[in-house]
């Protein structure tokens, strides 16, 4: 991947939501708003305020349903959001 987010931007990839029945049938559900952090920008000064990046690559996070910008790269779909659009880190 060649995405390098700027300032307080974070590149996210949606996690898959699947359940299997006892018989092996895969049930797909509505897409969750849980993402994996792929790449994090450097932070720094944003709108005159110092921004320290709180998330890191590999974190699972919850982001707003309609936040960010979706992009497709190499057949994969990613969402680019500001760190402030991330609501929580899933531990």
N, C-alpha and C. Protein backbone atom coordinates (compact mmCIF):
# COMPACT_ATOMS: atom_id res chain seq x y z
N UNK A 1 0.84 -1.18 0.00
CA UNK A 1 0.00 0.00 0.00
C UNK A 1 0.89 1.24 0.00
N UNK A 2 0.48 2.24 -0.72
CA UNK A 2 1.26 3.46 -0.83
C UNK A 2 0.54 4.67 -0.24
N UNK A 3 -0.30 4.48 0.75
CA UNK A 3 -0.98 5.59 1.39
C UNK A 3 -0.14 6.10 2.56
N UNK A 4 0.09 7.39 2.59
CA UNK A 4 0.82 8.01 3.70
C UNK A 4 -0.02 9.19 4.19
N UNK A 5 -0.78 8.99 5.28
CA UNK A 5 -1.65 10.05 5.75
C UNK A 5 -0.87 11.25 6.28
N UNK A 6 -1.44 12.43 6.11
CA UNK A 6 -0.82 13.67 6.56
C UNK A 6 -1.45 14.13 7.87
N UNK A 7 -0.69 14.90 8.63
CA UNK A 7 -1.17 15.52 9.88
C UNK A 7 -1.84 14.50 10.79
N UNK A 8 -3.09 14.76 11.17
CA UNK A 8 -3.78 13.89 12.13
C UNK A 8 -4.70 12.88 11.45
N UNK A 9 -4.41 12.52 10.21
CA UNK A 9 -5.24 11.57 9.48
C UNK A 9 -4.83 10.13 9.83
N UNK A 10 -5.80 9.22 9.75
CA UNK A 10 -5.59 7.82 10.06
C UNK A 10 -6.26 7.00 8.95
N UNK A 11 -5.57 5.97 8.45
CA UNK A 11 -6.13 5.08 7.43
C UNK A 11 -6.67 3.84 8.15
N UNK A 12 -7.95 3.55 7.90
CA UNK A 12 -8.64 2.45 8.57
C UNK A 12 -9.12 1.43 7.55
N UNK A 13 -9.25 0.19 7.99
CA UNK A 13 -9.84 -0.87 7.16
C UNK A 13 -10.93 -1.53 8.00
N UNK A 14 -12.11 -1.63 7.42
CA UNK A 14 -13.25 -2.20 8.14
C UNK A 14 -13.00 -3.68 8.44
N UNK A 15 -13.37 -4.11 9.65
CA UNK A 15 -13.25 -5.52 10.00
C UNK A 15 -14.46 -6.26 9.46
N UNK A 16 -14.29 -7.54 9.23
CA UNK A 16 -15.37 -8.35 8.67
C UNK A 16 -16.30 -8.82 9.78
N UNK A 17 -17.58 -8.87 9.47
CA UNK A 17 -18.58 -9.38 10.42
C UNK A 17 -19.26 -10.58 9.79
N UNK A 18 -18.88 -11.76 10.23
CA UNK A 18 -19.48 -12.99 9.72
C UNK A 18 -19.80 -13.90 10.89
N UNK A 19 -20.83 -14.63 10.75
CA UNK A 19 -21.16 -15.66 11.71
C UNK A 19 -21.48 -16.92 10.93
N UNK A 20 -21.11 -18.07 11.49
CA UNK A 20 -21.42 -19.34 10.86
C UNK A 20 -22.46 -20.07 11.72
N UNK A 21 -23.38 -20.71 11.04
CA UNK A 21 -24.33 -21.55 11.74
C UNK A 21 -23.67 -22.90 12.03
N UNK A 22 -24.33 -23.74 12.81
CA UNK A 22 -23.77 -25.06 13.10
C UNK A 22 -23.58 -25.88 11.83
N UNK A 23 -24.41 -25.60 10.83
CA UNK A 23 -24.32 -26.33 9.56
C UNK A 23 -23.27 -25.76 8.61
N UNK A 24 -22.61 -24.65 9.02
CA UNK A 24 -21.55 -24.09 8.19
C UNK A 24 -22.00 -22.98 7.25
N UNK A 25 -23.26 -22.57 7.37
CA UNK A 25 -23.75 -21.49 6.52
C UNK A 25 -23.24 -20.17 7.08
N UNK A 26 -22.68 -19.34 6.19
CA UNK A 26 -22.14 -18.05 6.62
C UNK A 26 -23.23 -17.01 6.55
N UNK A 27 -23.47 -16.34 7.67
CA UNK A 27 -24.46 -15.27 7.73
C UNK A 27 -23.72 -13.95 7.77
N UNK A 28 -24.01 -13.07 6.84
CA UNK A 28 -23.40 -11.75 6.87
C UNK A 28 -24.37 -10.80 7.54
N UNK A 29 -23.83 -9.91 8.33
CA UNK A 29 -24.64 -8.96 9.06
C UNK A 29 -24.34 -7.56 8.56
N UNK A 30 -25.09 -6.61 9.08
CA UNK A 30 -24.80 -5.21 8.75
C UNK A 30 -23.36 -4.92 9.15
N UNK A 31 -22.68 -4.14 8.32
CA UNK A 31 -21.27 -3.86 8.56
C UNK A 31 -21.07 -3.15 9.90
N UNK A 32 -20.14 -3.64 10.72
CA UNK A 32 -19.89 -2.97 11.98
C UNK A 32 -19.07 -1.70 11.74
N UNK A 33 -19.03 -0.87 12.71
CA UNK A 33 -18.24 0.36 12.62
C UNK A 33 -16.90 0.17 13.33
N UNK A 34 -16.45 -1.09 13.40
CA UNK A 34 -15.16 -1.40 14.00
C UNK A 34 -14.14 -1.52 12.87
N UNK A 35 -13.03 -0.84 13.03
CA UNK A 35 -12.00 -0.79 12.01
C UNK A 35 -10.66 -1.20 12.60
N UNK A 36 -9.74 -1.61 11.73
CA UNK A 36 -8.35 -1.82 12.12
C UNK A 36 -7.56 -0.63 11.59
N UNK A 37 -6.69 -0.08 12.45
CA UNK A 37 -5.84 1.03 12.03
C UNK A 37 -4.72 0.46 11.18
N UNK A 38 -4.55 0.99 9.97
CA UNK A 38 -3.53 0.51 9.05
C UNK A 38 -2.30 1.41 9.10
N UNK A 39 -2.49 2.71 8.94
CA UNK A 39 -1.39 3.68 8.92
C UNK A 39 -1.85 4.93 9.67
N UNK A 40 -0.92 5.55 10.40
CA UNK A 40 -1.23 6.76 11.18
C UNK A 40 -0.33 7.89 10.72
N UNK A 41 -0.91 9.08 10.58
CA UNK A 41 -0.13 10.27 10.23
C UNK A 41 0.76 10.70 11.40
N UNK A 42 1.63 11.69 11.17
CA UNK A 42 2.59 12.09 12.18
C UNK A 42 2.04 12.99 13.29
N UNK A 43 0.83 13.50 13.13
CA UNK A 43 0.31 14.44 14.12
C UNK A 43 0.91 15.81 13.88
N UNK A 44 1.23 16.54 14.96
CA UNK A 44 1.83 17.87 14.82
C UNK A 44 0.79 18.96 14.99
N UNK A 45 1.03 20.11 14.36
CA UNK A 45 0.13 21.25 14.48
C UNK A 45 -1.03 21.11 13.50
N UNK A 46 -2.25 21.14 14.03
CA UNK A 46 -3.46 21.07 13.21
C UNK A 46 -4.39 22.18 13.70
N UNK A 47 -4.72 23.11 12.82
CA UNK A 47 -5.58 24.24 13.16
C UNK A 47 -5.06 25.01 14.37
N UNK A 48 -3.75 25.15 14.47
CA UNK A 48 -3.14 25.90 15.56
C UNK A 48 -3.01 25.17 16.87
N UNK A 49 -3.39 23.90 16.90
CA UNK A 49 -3.30 23.10 18.13
C UNK A 49 -2.36 21.92 17.91
N UNK A 50 -1.60 21.59 18.94
CA UNK A 50 -0.71 20.44 18.89
C UNK A 50 -1.54 19.16 19.00
N UNK A 51 -1.37 18.23 18.06
CA UNK A 51 -2.11 16.97 18.08
C UNK A 51 -1.12 15.83 18.28
N UNK A 52 -1.33 15.08 19.36
CA UNK A 52 -0.53 13.89 19.64
C UNK A 52 -1.37 12.68 19.19
N UNK A 53 -0.78 11.82 18.40
CA UNK A 53 -1.51 10.66 17.89
C UNK A 53 -1.66 9.62 19.00
N UNK A 54 -2.91 9.26 19.27
CA UNK A 54 -3.24 8.32 20.35
C UNK A 54 -3.38 6.88 19.84
N UNK A 55 -3.58 6.72 18.53
CA UNK A 55 -3.76 5.38 17.97
C UNK A 55 -2.49 4.98 17.22
N UNK A 56 -2.35 3.67 17.02
CA UNK A 56 -1.19 3.16 16.28
C UNK A 56 -1.66 2.04 15.36
N UNK A 57 -0.84 1.71 14.39
CA UNK A 57 -1.18 0.63 13.46
C UNK A 57 -1.47 -0.64 14.23
N UNK A 58 -2.52 -1.34 13.83
CA UNK A 58 -2.91 -2.59 14.48
C UNK A 58 -4.01 -2.42 15.52
N UNK A 59 -4.26 -1.20 16.00
CA UNK A 59 -5.34 -0.97 16.97
C UNK A 59 -6.69 -1.24 16.32
N UNK A 60 -7.63 -1.72 17.11
CA UNK A 60 -9.03 -1.84 16.68
C UNK A 60 -9.75 -0.63 17.25
N UNK A 61 -10.49 0.08 16.40
CA UNK A 61 -11.15 1.31 16.82
C UNK A 61 -12.59 1.33 16.34
N UNK A 62 -13.39 2.20 16.97
CA UNK A 62 -14.75 2.46 16.54
C UNK A 62 -14.79 3.88 16.01
N UNK A 63 -15.31 4.05 14.80
CA UNK A 63 -15.40 5.37 14.18
C UNK A 63 -16.85 5.64 13.80
N UNK A 64 -17.17 6.90 13.60
CA UNK A 64 -18.51 7.29 13.21
C UNK A 64 -18.94 6.63 11.91
N UNK A 65 -20.21 6.33 11.79
CA UNK A 65 -20.73 5.60 10.63
C UNK A 65 -20.48 6.33 9.31
N UNK A 66 -20.63 7.64 9.31
CA UNK A 66 -20.50 8.39 8.06
C UNK A 66 -19.26 9.28 8.04
N UNK A 67 -18.29 9.00 8.89
CA UNK A 67 -17.09 9.85 8.93
C UNK A 67 -16.05 9.36 7.92
N UNK A 68 -15.21 10.28 7.50
CA UNK A 68 -14.08 9.93 6.65
C UNK A 68 -14.38 9.87 5.17
N UNK A 69 -13.35 9.52 4.44
CA UNK A 69 -13.40 9.40 2.98
C UNK A 69 -12.99 7.98 2.60
N UNK A 70 -13.80 7.31 1.80
CA UNK A 70 -13.49 5.95 1.36
C UNK A 70 -12.65 6.01 0.09
N UNK A 71 -11.63 5.15 0.05
CA UNK A 71 -10.78 5.04 -1.13
C UNK A 71 -10.54 3.56 -1.41
N UNK A 72 -10.37 3.23 -2.69
CA UNK A 72 -10.02 1.86 -3.08
C UNK A 72 -8.60 1.88 -3.61
N UNK A 73 -7.79 0.95 -3.12
CA UNK A 73 -6.41 0.85 -3.56
C UNK A 73 -6.05 -0.63 -3.62
N UNK A 74 -5.59 -1.07 -4.77
CA UNK A 74 -5.21 -2.47 -4.99
C UNK A 74 -6.36 -3.43 -4.64
N UNK A 75 -7.60 -3.03 -4.96
CA UNK A 75 -8.74 -3.89 -4.71
C UNK A 75 -9.25 -3.90 -3.28
N UNK A 76 -8.62 -3.17 -2.39
CA UNK A 76 -9.03 -3.09 -0.99
C UNK A 76 -9.67 -1.73 -0.73
N UNK A 77 -10.67 -1.70 0.14
CA UNK A 77 -11.32 -0.43 0.48
C UNK A 77 -10.83 0.05 1.84
N UNK A 78 -10.42 1.30 1.89
CA UNK A 78 -9.92 1.93 3.11
C UNK A 78 -10.73 3.19 3.39
N UNK A 79 -10.72 3.62 4.63
CA UNK A 79 -11.36 4.86 5.03
C UNK A 79 -10.31 5.74 5.68
N UNK A 80 -10.25 7.00 5.26
CA UNK A 80 -9.30 7.96 5.83
C UNK A 80 -10.10 8.93 6.70
N UNK A 81 -9.75 9.00 7.99
CA UNK A 81 -10.45 9.87 8.93
C UNK A 81 -9.44 10.72 9.70
N UNK A 82 -9.94 11.80 10.31
CA UNK A 82 -9.13 12.53 11.27
C UNK A 82 -9.16 11.74 12.57
N UNK A 83 -8.11 11.86 13.36
CA UNK A 83 -8.08 11.14 14.63
C UNK A 83 -9.29 11.51 15.49
N UNK A 84 -9.75 12.74 15.41
CA UNK A 84 -10.89 13.17 16.22
C UNK A 84 -12.20 12.48 15.81
N UNK A 85 -12.25 11.85 14.63
CA UNK A 85 -13.43 11.10 14.20
C UNK A 85 -13.47 9.70 14.81
N UNK A 86 -12.38 9.27 15.44
CA UNK A 86 -12.33 7.97 16.10
C UNK A 86 -12.95 8.13 17.47
N UNK A 87 -13.95 7.31 17.76
CA UNK A 87 -14.70 7.43 19.00
C UNK A 87 -14.08 6.67 20.16
N UNK A 88 -13.46 5.52 19.87
CA UNK A 88 -12.92 4.69 20.95
C UNK A 88 -11.92 3.68 20.39
N UNK A 89 -11.02 3.24 21.27
CA UNK A 89 -10.10 2.14 20.96
C UNK A 89 -10.69 0.89 21.62
N UNK A 90 -10.80 -0.19 20.88
CA UNK A 90 -11.33 -1.45 21.41
C UNK A 90 -10.17 -2.25 21.98
N UNK A 91 -10.24 -2.55 23.26
CA UNK A 91 -9.15 -3.32 23.91
C UNK A 91 -9.59 -4.72 24.25
